[in-house]
N, C-alpha and C. Protein backbone atom coordinates (compact mmCIF):
# COMPACT_ATOMS: atom_id res chain seq x y z
N UNK A 1 50.47 48.34 26.23
CA UNK A 1 50.11 47.01 26.64
C UNK A 1 51.28 46.36 27.37
N UNK A 2 50.93 45.45 28.24
CA UNK A 2 51.98 44.68 28.91
C UNK A 2 52.59 43.72 27.89
N UNK A 3 53.85 43.32 28.11
CA UNK A 3 54.46 42.35 27.19
C UNK A 3 53.56 41.12 27.02
N UNK A 4 53.40 40.70 25.78
CA UNK A 4 52.56 39.53 25.49
C UNK A 4 51.12 39.86 25.16
N UNK A 5 50.68 41.10 25.41
CA UNK A 5 49.31 41.50 25.09
C UNK A 5 49.26 41.99 23.64
N UNK A 6 48.12 41.79 23.01
CA UNK A 6 47.93 42.24 21.63
C UNK A 6 46.46 42.26 21.29
N UNK A 7 46.13 42.96 20.21
CA UNK A 7 44.78 42.95 19.67
C UNK A 7 44.73 41.98 18.50
N UNK A 8 43.56 41.43 18.25
CA UNK A 8 43.38 40.48 17.16
C UNK A 8 42.02 40.69 16.51
N UNK A 9 41.95 40.48 15.21
CA UNK A 9 40.68 40.52 14.49
C UNK A 9 40.15 39.09 14.38
N UNK A 10 38.90 38.91 14.79
CA UNK A 10 38.23 37.61 14.74
C UNK A 10 37.13 37.66 13.69
N UNK A 11 36.86 36.54 13.04
CA UNK A 11 35.76 36.46 12.08
C UNK A 11 34.46 36.29 12.85
N UNK A 12 33.44 37.06 12.46
CA UNK A 12 32.14 36.98 13.10
C UNK A 12 31.32 35.83 12.55
N UNK A 13 30.10 35.70 13.03
CA UNK A 13 29.23 34.61 12.60
C UNK A 13 28.62 34.86 11.22
N UNK A 14 28.44 36.13 10.86
CA UNK A 14 27.85 36.46 9.56
C UNK A 14 28.92 36.81 8.55
N UNK A 15 28.59 36.67 7.28
CA UNK A 15 29.51 37.01 6.20
C UNK A 15 29.92 38.49 6.28
N UNK A 16 31.19 38.77 6.07
CA UNK A 16 31.75 40.12 6.08
C UNK A 16 31.73 40.79 7.45
N UNK A 17 31.46 40.05 8.52
CA UNK A 17 31.48 40.64 9.86
C UNK A 17 32.68 40.14 10.64
N UNK A 18 33.29 41.05 11.38
CA UNK A 18 34.49 40.76 12.16
C UNK A 18 34.39 41.48 13.48
N UNK A 19 35.24 41.14 14.42
CA UNK A 19 35.35 41.94 15.63
C UNK A 19 36.78 41.95 16.10
N UNK A 20 37.12 43.02 16.79
CA UNK A 20 38.47 43.24 17.29
C UNK A 20 38.42 43.12 18.80
N UNK A 21 39.34 42.35 19.35
CA UNK A 21 39.42 42.19 20.80
C UNK A 21 40.81 41.71 21.16
N UNK A 22 40.99 41.29 22.39
CA UNK A 22 42.28 40.84 22.89
C UNK A 22 42.75 39.59 22.17
N UNK A 23 44.05 39.43 22.08
CA UNK A 23 44.64 38.25 21.44
C UNK A 23 44.33 36.98 22.22
N UNK A 24 44.15 37.09 23.54
CA UNK A 24 43.95 35.89 24.37
C UNK A 24 42.52 35.38 24.37
N UNK A 25 41.59 36.15 23.84
CA UNK A 25 40.21 35.69 23.79
C UNK A 25 39.29 36.79 23.31
N UNK A 26 38.18 36.39 22.73
CA UNK A 26 37.28 37.34 22.09
C UNK A 26 36.74 38.39 23.05
N UNK A 27 36.55 38.06 24.30
CA UNK A 27 36.01 39.04 25.25
C UNK A 27 36.94 39.24 26.43
N UNK A 28 38.22 39.05 26.21
CA UNK A 28 39.22 39.21 27.26
C UNK A 28 39.89 40.56 27.11
N UNK A 29 40.00 41.33 28.20
CA UNK A 29 40.67 42.63 28.08
C UNK A 29 42.18 42.50 27.93
N UNK A 30 42.78 43.58 27.46
CA UNK A 30 44.23 43.66 27.29
C UNK A 30 44.85 44.02 28.63
N UNK A 31 45.93 43.35 28.99
CA UNK A 31 46.65 43.69 30.21
C UNK A 31 47.55 44.89 29.90
N UNK A 32 47.49 45.90 30.77
CA UNK A 32 48.31 47.10 30.60
C UNK A 32 49.51 47.07 31.54
N UNK A 33 50.44 47.94 31.31
CA UNK A 33 51.67 47.99 32.10
C UNK A 33 51.46 48.51 33.51
N UNK A 34 50.28 49.04 33.83
CA UNK A 34 50.01 49.49 35.20
C UNK A 34 49.28 48.43 36.01
N UNK A 35 49.12 47.22 35.42
CA UNK A 35 48.44 46.14 36.11
C UNK A 35 46.93 46.17 35.94
N UNK A 36 46.42 47.22 35.30
CA UNK A 36 44.99 47.31 35.02
C UNK A 36 44.74 46.76 33.62
N UNK A 37 43.53 46.94 33.13
CA UNK A 37 43.13 46.33 31.86
C UNK A 37 42.40 47.33 30.98
N UNK A 38 42.50 47.13 29.67
CA UNK A 38 41.72 47.88 28.71
C UNK A 38 40.90 46.87 27.91
N UNK A 39 39.60 46.95 28.09
CA UNK A 39 38.68 46.09 27.35
C UNK A 39 38.37 46.80 26.04
N UNK A 40 38.81 46.24 24.93
CA UNK A 40 38.58 46.80 23.60
C UNK A 40 37.69 45.82 22.85
N UNK A 41 36.51 46.29 22.47
CA UNK A 41 35.61 45.46 21.66
C UNK A 41 35.08 46.31 20.52
N UNK A 42 35.31 45.86 19.30
CA UNK A 42 34.84 46.59 18.13
C UNK A 42 34.19 45.62 17.15
N UNK A 43 32.95 45.92 16.77
CA UNK A 43 32.28 45.15 15.74
C UNK A 43 32.56 45.80 14.40
N UNK A 44 33.02 45.02 13.44
CA UNK A 44 33.45 45.54 12.14
C UNK A 44 32.71 44.83 11.01
N UNK A 45 32.55 45.51 9.89
CA UNK A 45 31.93 44.90 8.72
C UNK A 45 32.52 45.51 7.45
N UNK A 46 32.66 44.70 6.44
CA UNK A 46 33.08 45.21 5.13
C UNK A 46 31.82 45.65 4.41
N UNK A 47 31.80 46.93 4.03
CA UNK A 47 30.62 47.49 3.37
C UNK A 47 31.05 48.23 2.11
N UNK A 48 30.18 48.24 1.13
CA UNK A 48 30.46 48.94 -0.11
C UNK A 48 30.34 50.45 0.06
N UNK A 49 31.22 51.18 -0.60
CA UNK A 49 31.15 52.64 -0.64
C UNK A 49 31.40 53.08 -2.07
N UNK A 50 31.29 54.35 -2.33
CA UNK A 50 31.56 54.86 -3.67
C UNK A 50 33.03 54.67 -4.04
N UNK A 51 33.89 54.49 -3.05
CA UNK A 51 35.33 54.25 -3.28
C UNK A 51 35.69 52.77 -3.22
N UNK A 52 34.67 51.91 -3.19
CA UNK A 52 34.93 50.47 -3.10
C UNK A 52 34.68 49.97 -1.69
N UNK A 53 34.92 48.67 -1.45
CA UNK A 53 34.66 48.09 -0.13
C UNK A 53 35.56 48.72 0.94
N UNK A 54 34.96 48.97 2.12
CA UNK A 54 35.70 49.54 3.24
C UNK A 54 35.31 48.79 4.52
N UNK A 55 36.26 48.70 5.43
CA UNK A 55 36.00 48.12 6.74
C UNK A 55 35.43 49.23 7.62
N UNK A 56 34.22 49.03 8.13
CA UNK A 56 33.57 50.06 8.94
C UNK A 56 33.31 49.52 10.34
N UNK A 57 33.36 50.44 11.31
CA UNK A 57 33.07 50.08 12.69
C UNK A 57 31.57 50.20 12.91
N UNK A 58 30.95 49.11 13.35
CA UNK A 58 29.52 49.11 13.64
C UNK A 58 29.25 49.52 15.08
N UNK A 59 30.13 49.08 15.98
CA UNK A 59 30.02 49.44 17.39
C UNK A 59 31.37 49.26 18.05
N UNK A 60 31.56 49.97 19.14
CA UNK A 60 32.82 49.82 19.87
C UNK A 60 32.61 50.14 21.34
N UNK A 61 33.44 49.51 22.15
CA UNK A 61 33.49 49.76 23.59
C UNK A 61 34.97 49.81 23.97
N UNK A 62 35.35 50.86 24.71
CA UNK A 62 36.68 50.97 25.29
C UNK A 62 36.48 51.16 26.78
N UNK A 63 36.87 50.17 27.57
CA UNK A 63 36.65 50.25 29.01
C UNK A 63 37.96 50.04 29.76
N UNK A 64 38.32 51.02 30.59
CA UNK A 64 39.50 50.94 31.45
C UNK A 64 39.03 50.38 32.79
N UNK A 65 39.68 49.32 33.25
CA UNK A 65 39.20 48.62 34.44
C UNK A 65 40.36 48.09 35.26
N UNK A 66 40.11 47.88 36.56
CA UNK A 66 41.18 47.42 37.44
C UNK A 66 41.12 45.92 37.71
N UNK A 67 40.12 45.24 37.19
CA UNK A 67 40.04 43.78 37.36
C UNK A 67 39.77 43.11 36.01
N UNK A 68 40.11 41.85 35.91
CA UNK A 68 39.96 41.11 34.67
C UNK A 68 38.50 41.00 34.24
N UNK A 69 37.58 40.84 35.19
CA UNK A 69 36.17 40.63 34.88
C UNK A 69 35.41 41.90 34.52
N UNK A 70 35.98 43.07 34.79
CA UNK A 70 35.32 44.31 34.45
C UNK A 70 34.32 44.81 35.47
N UNK A 71 34.30 44.21 36.65
CA UNK A 71 33.40 44.68 37.70
C UNK A 71 33.87 46.01 38.29
N UNK A 72 35.17 46.23 38.28
CA UNK A 72 35.76 47.45 38.84
C UNK A 72 36.28 48.34 37.72
N UNK A 73 35.35 48.87 36.92
CA UNK A 73 35.73 49.70 35.80
C UNK A 73 35.83 51.16 36.25
N UNK A 74 36.59 51.94 35.48
CA UNK A 74 36.87 53.34 35.80
C UNK A 74 36.14 54.26 34.83
N UNK A 75 36.28 54.00 33.52
CA UNK A 75 35.51 54.72 32.52
C UNK A 75 35.23 53.79 31.35
N UNK A 76 34.19 54.15 30.58
CA UNK A 76 33.84 53.35 29.40
C UNK A 76 33.25 54.27 28.34
N UNK A 77 33.76 54.15 27.11
CA UNK A 77 33.18 54.81 25.95
C UNK A 77 32.40 53.76 25.17
N UNK A 78 31.24 54.15 24.66
CA UNK A 78 30.45 53.25 23.82
C UNK A 78 30.03 53.98 22.56
N UNK A 79 30.05 53.26 21.45
CA UNK A 79 29.63 53.81 20.16
C UNK A 79 28.79 52.77 19.44
N UNK A 80 27.68 53.22 18.84
CA UNK A 80 26.84 52.35 18.00
C UNK A 80 26.51 53.11 16.72
N UNK A 81 26.90 52.56 15.58
CA UNK A 81 26.61 53.20 14.29
C UNK A 81 25.10 53.23 14.04
N UNK A 82 24.40 52.17 14.46
CA UNK A 82 22.95 52.08 14.28
C UNK A 82 22.31 51.86 15.65
N UNK A 83 22.16 52.91 16.46
CA UNK A 83 21.63 52.75 17.81
C UNK A 83 20.16 52.35 17.80
N UNK A 84 19.77 51.61 18.82
CA UNK A 84 18.38 51.18 18.92
C UNK A 84 17.69 51.72 20.18
N UNK A 85 18.45 52.18 21.14
CA UNK A 85 17.87 52.65 22.39
C UNK A 85 17.78 54.16 22.48
N UNK A 86 17.36 54.66 23.62
CA UNK A 86 17.16 56.10 23.79
C UNK A 86 18.44 56.89 24.11
N UNK A 87 19.55 56.19 24.31
CA UNK A 87 20.78 56.85 24.72
C UNK A 87 21.55 57.40 23.52
N UNK A 88 22.42 58.40 23.76
CA UNK A 88 23.24 58.93 22.66
C UNK A 88 24.04 57.80 22.01
N UNK A 89 24.15 57.78 20.69
CA UNK A 89 24.88 56.71 20.01
C UNK A 89 26.35 56.61 20.45
N UNK A 90 26.93 57.74 20.79
CA UNK A 90 28.29 57.76 21.32
C UNK A 90 28.21 58.41 22.68
N UNK A 91 28.64 57.68 23.71
CA UNK A 91 28.55 58.24 25.05
C UNK A 91 29.65 57.70 25.96
N UNK A 92 29.80 58.38 27.07
CA UNK A 92 30.83 58.09 28.06
C UNK A 92 30.17 57.77 29.39
N UNK A 93 30.70 56.78 30.08
CA UNK A 93 30.30 56.46 31.45
C UNK A 93 31.50 56.69 32.35
N UNK A 94 31.27 57.31 33.49
CA UNK A 94 32.31 57.53 34.49
C UNK A 94 31.91 56.84 35.79
N UNK A 95 32.87 56.24 36.43
CA UNK A 95 32.58 55.59 37.71
C UNK A 95 33.29 56.36 38.80
N UNK A 96 32.55 56.98 39.65
CA UNK A 96 33.15 57.76 40.72
C UNK A 96 32.06 58.38 41.58
N UNK A 97 32.47 59.22 42.48
CA UNK A 97 31.55 59.90 43.38
C UNK A 97 31.37 61.34 42.94
N UNK A 98 30.14 61.82 42.97
CA UNK A 98 29.85 63.21 42.65
C UNK A 98 30.13 64.10 43.86
N UNK A 99 30.65 65.28 43.60
CA UNK A 99 30.87 66.25 44.67
C UNK A 99 29.57 67.00 44.98
N UNK A 100 28.63 67.00 44.05
CA UNK A 100 27.35 67.70 44.23
C UNK A 100 26.21 66.69 44.24
N UNK A 101 25.18 66.95 45.02
CA UNK A 101 24.00 66.10 45.07
C UNK A 101 23.02 66.58 44.00
N UNK A 102 23.23 66.14 42.75
CA UNK A 102 22.41 66.64 41.65
C UNK A 102 21.60 65.55 40.96
N UNK A 103 21.75 64.30 41.38
CA UNK A 103 20.99 63.20 40.79
C UNK A 103 19.80 62.84 41.66
N UNK A 104 18.84 62.16 41.07
CA UNK A 104 17.70 61.68 41.85
C UNK A 104 18.17 60.65 42.86
N UNK A 105 17.46 60.50 43.92
CA UNK A 105 17.80 59.52 44.97
C UNK A 105 17.93 58.14 44.34
N UNK A 106 19.02 57.46 44.63
CA UNK A 106 19.25 56.11 44.11
C UNK A 106 20.01 56.06 42.80
N UNK A 107 20.07 57.19 42.06
CA UNK A 107 20.83 57.22 40.81
C UNK A 107 22.32 57.34 41.11
N UNK A 108 23.14 56.79 40.24
CA UNK A 108 24.59 56.87 40.40
C UNK A 108 25.20 57.47 39.14
N UNK A 109 26.37 58.04 39.29
CA UNK A 109 27.07 58.67 38.18
C UNK A 109 27.32 57.68 37.04
N UNK A 110 27.63 56.43 37.38
CA UNK A 110 27.98 55.45 36.35
C UNK A 110 26.81 55.10 35.44
N UNK A 111 25.59 55.44 35.81
CA UNK A 111 24.42 55.15 34.98
C UNK A 111 24.09 56.28 34.00
N UNK A 112 24.81 57.40 34.10
CA UNK A 112 24.58 58.54 33.21
C UNK A 112 25.30 58.30 31.88
N UNK A 113 24.62 58.59 30.79
CA UNK A 113 25.18 58.46 29.44
C UNK A 113 25.58 59.85 28.95
N UNK A 114 26.84 60.24 29.20
CA UNK A 114 27.31 61.56 28.78
C UNK A 114 27.52 61.55 27.27
N UNK A 115 26.82 62.41 26.52
CA UNK A 115 27.03 62.42 25.08
C UNK A 115 28.46 62.82 24.75
N UNK A 116 28.99 62.22 23.73
CA UNK A 116 30.37 62.49 23.32
C UNK A 116 30.45 62.36 21.81
N UNK A 117 31.50 62.92 21.24
CA UNK A 117 31.75 62.66 19.83
C UNK A 117 32.39 61.28 19.75
N UNK A 118 32.50 60.77 18.57
CA UNK A 118 33.10 59.45 18.39
C UNK A 118 34.54 59.48 18.87
N UNK A 119 34.92 58.52 19.67
CA UNK A 119 36.24 58.48 20.29
C UNK A 119 37.07 57.40 19.60
N UNK A 120 38.28 57.77 19.24
CA UNK A 120 39.18 56.82 18.59
C UNK A 120 39.95 56.01 19.64
N UNK A 121 40.43 54.86 19.23
CA UNK A 121 41.29 54.06 20.10
C UNK A 121 42.55 54.85 20.43
N UNK A 122 43.03 55.65 19.48
CA UNK A 122 44.21 56.48 19.71
C UNK A 122 43.96 57.47 20.85
N UNK A 123 42.76 58.06 20.91
CA UNK A 123 42.43 59.01 21.97
C UNK A 123 42.42 58.32 23.33
N UNK A 124 41.92 57.10 23.38
CA UNK A 124 41.90 56.35 24.63
C UNK A 124 43.32 56.01 25.07
N UNK A 125 44.16 55.60 24.13
CA UNK A 125 45.56 55.30 24.46
C UNK A 125 46.25 56.55 24.99
N UNK A 126 46.04 57.68 24.34
CA UNK A 126 46.64 58.94 24.79
C UNK A 126 46.14 59.30 26.19
N UNK A 127 44.86 59.12 26.46
CA UNK A 127 44.28 59.39 27.78
C UNK A 127 44.96 58.53 28.85
N UNK A 128 45.12 57.25 28.56
CA UNK A 128 45.75 56.35 29.53
C UNK A 128 47.20 56.74 29.81
N UNK A 129 47.92 57.13 28.77
CA UNK A 129 49.34 57.52 28.92
C UNK A 129 49.45 58.85 29.67
N UNK A 130 48.71 59.86 29.21
CA UNK A 130 48.88 61.21 29.73
C UNK A 130 48.17 61.47 31.05
N UNK A 131 46.98 60.92 31.22
CA UNK A 131 46.19 61.24 32.41
C UNK A 131 46.23 60.16 33.50
N UNK A 132 46.35 58.90 33.09
CA UNK A 132 46.41 57.80 34.07
C UNK A 132 47.83 57.29 34.26
N UNK A 133 48.78 57.88 33.51
CA UNK A 133 50.22 57.59 33.65
C UNK A 133 50.57 56.12 33.46
N UNK A 134 49.92 55.47 32.51
CA UNK A 134 50.25 54.09 32.17
C UNK A 134 51.58 54.09 31.42
N UNK A 135 52.50 53.27 31.87
CA UNK A 135 53.84 53.19 31.25
C UNK A 135 53.72 52.64 29.82
N UNK A 136 54.67 53.03 28.99
CA UNK A 136 54.68 52.60 27.59
C UNK A 136 55.98 51.87 27.27
N UNK A 137 55.94 51.05 26.24
CA UNK A 137 57.14 50.34 25.80
C UNK A 137 58.01 51.24 24.93
N UNK A 138 57.38 52.21 24.26
CA UNK A 138 58.09 53.14 23.37
C UNK A 138 58.21 54.50 24.03
N UNK A 139 59.11 55.33 23.51
CA UNK A 139 59.26 56.70 24.01
C UNK A 139 57.95 57.46 23.76
N UNK A 140 57.58 58.30 24.70
CA UNK A 140 56.32 59.06 24.61
C UNK A 140 56.29 59.97 23.39
N UNK A 141 57.40 60.64 23.06
CA UNK A 141 57.42 61.52 21.89
C UNK A 141 57.16 60.75 20.61
N UNK A 142 57.74 59.55 20.50
CA UNK A 142 57.50 58.71 19.33
C UNK A 142 56.02 58.30 19.28
N UNK A 143 55.48 57.86 20.42
CA UNK A 143 54.08 57.44 20.46
C UNK A 143 53.14 58.58 20.13
N UNK A 144 53.42 59.77 20.61
CA UNK A 144 52.56 60.92 20.31
C UNK A 144 52.47 61.15 18.80
N UNK A 145 53.59 61.04 18.10
CA UNK A 145 53.60 61.22 16.65
C UNK A 145 52.79 60.13 15.96
N UNK A 146 52.98 58.89 16.37
CA UNK A 146 52.25 57.77 15.78
C UNK A 146 50.76 57.91 16.04
N UNK A 147 50.39 58.22 17.27
CA UNK A 147 48.98 58.36 17.63
C UNK A 147 48.33 59.52 16.86
N UNK A 148 49.04 60.63 16.73
CA UNK A 148 48.51 61.78 16.00
C UNK A 148 48.25 61.44 14.54
N UNK A 149 49.20 60.80 13.90
CA UNK A 149 49.05 60.44 12.48
C UNK A 149 47.91 59.44 12.30
N UNK A 150 47.84 58.45 13.14
CA UNK A 150 46.79 57.44 13.05
C UNK A 150 45.42 58.05 13.33
N UNK A 151 45.34 58.92 14.34
CA UNK A 151 44.05 59.53 14.67
C UNK A 151 43.59 60.48 13.57
N UNK A 152 44.50 61.17 12.92
CA UNK A 152 44.12 62.02 11.78
C UNK A 152 43.46 61.20 10.68
N UNK A 153 44.02 60.04 10.39
CA UNK A 153 43.42 59.16 9.38
C UNK A 153 42.03 58.71 9.81
N UNK A 154 41.87 58.38 11.08
CA UNK A 154 40.56 57.98 11.62
C UNK A 154 39.55 59.12 11.47
N UNK A 155 39.95 60.33 11.88
CA UNK A 155 39.03 61.47 11.85
C UNK A 155 38.59 61.85 10.44
N UNK A 156 39.43 61.57 9.45
CA UNK A 156 39.06 61.87 8.07
C UNK A 156 37.94 60.99 7.55
N UNK A 157 37.76 59.82 8.13
CA UNK A 157 36.74 58.89 7.62
C UNK A 157 35.70 58.49 8.65
N UNK A 158 35.84 58.95 9.90
CA UNK A 158 34.96 58.50 10.98
C UNK A 158 33.51 58.92 10.77
N UNK A 159 32.63 57.99 11.05
CA UNK A 159 31.19 58.26 11.07
C UNK A 159 30.89 59.01 12.36
N UNK A 160 30.21 60.13 12.25
CA UNK A 160 29.86 60.91 13.43
C UNK A 160 28.35 60.98 13.54
N UNK A 161 27.84 60.41 14.60
CA UNK A 161 26.39 60.35 14.82
C UNK A 161 25.93 61.58 15.60
N UNK A 162 24.63 61.93 15.49
CA UNK A 162 24.10 63.00 16.33
C UNK A 162 24.14 62.56 17.80
N UNK A 163 24.01 63.51 18.72
CA UNK A 163 24.16 63.17 20.14
C UNK A 163 22.90 62.63 20.78
N UNK A 164 21.83 62.51 20.03
CA UNK A 164 20.58 62.00 20.58
C UNK A 164 20.01 60.88 19.74
N UNK A 165 18.88 60.33 20.18
CA UNK A 165 18.23 59.26 19.41
C UNK A 165 17.85 59.76 18.02
N UNK A 166 17.76 58.84 17.10
CA UNK A 166 17.45 59.19 15.70
C UNK A 166 15.96 59.42 15.46
N UNK A 167 15.14 59.12 16.43
CA UNK A 167 13.70 59.31 16.23
C UNK A 167 13.19 60.41 17.11
């Protein structure tokens, strides 16, 4: 993140519901060190489990974009614990041009819902650092260790949905 950027947990409208987003506003993306933005939106809820109450992710969106409003986005991951539509509960959108003419006339790549496994925030951060070369405040070796440890904890408890509709 750029200096001054941060994530914050906000209280939702319903009891035990929260959401995670930028420190500057509930639907404001985080400014990154490359001048682009990462829109992080996560719906959270405290739910009972056999091990006691746990904070669970109900839905999440991670969108890398070049403008504040999100009109010029590059990629977006979406996750829904309880999906309602026909699309995969966890999917990826890519914005770009296809090298092959394989879509129906008028369809665009960005409208395709590529099925994916559940993606962690750590994976998105690693993608931005390693593939998009976003500068970091900390040494990369240190960040790799932190991201690996944090992602391992996530993977041990992550809800993994099937790649298609539930019906």
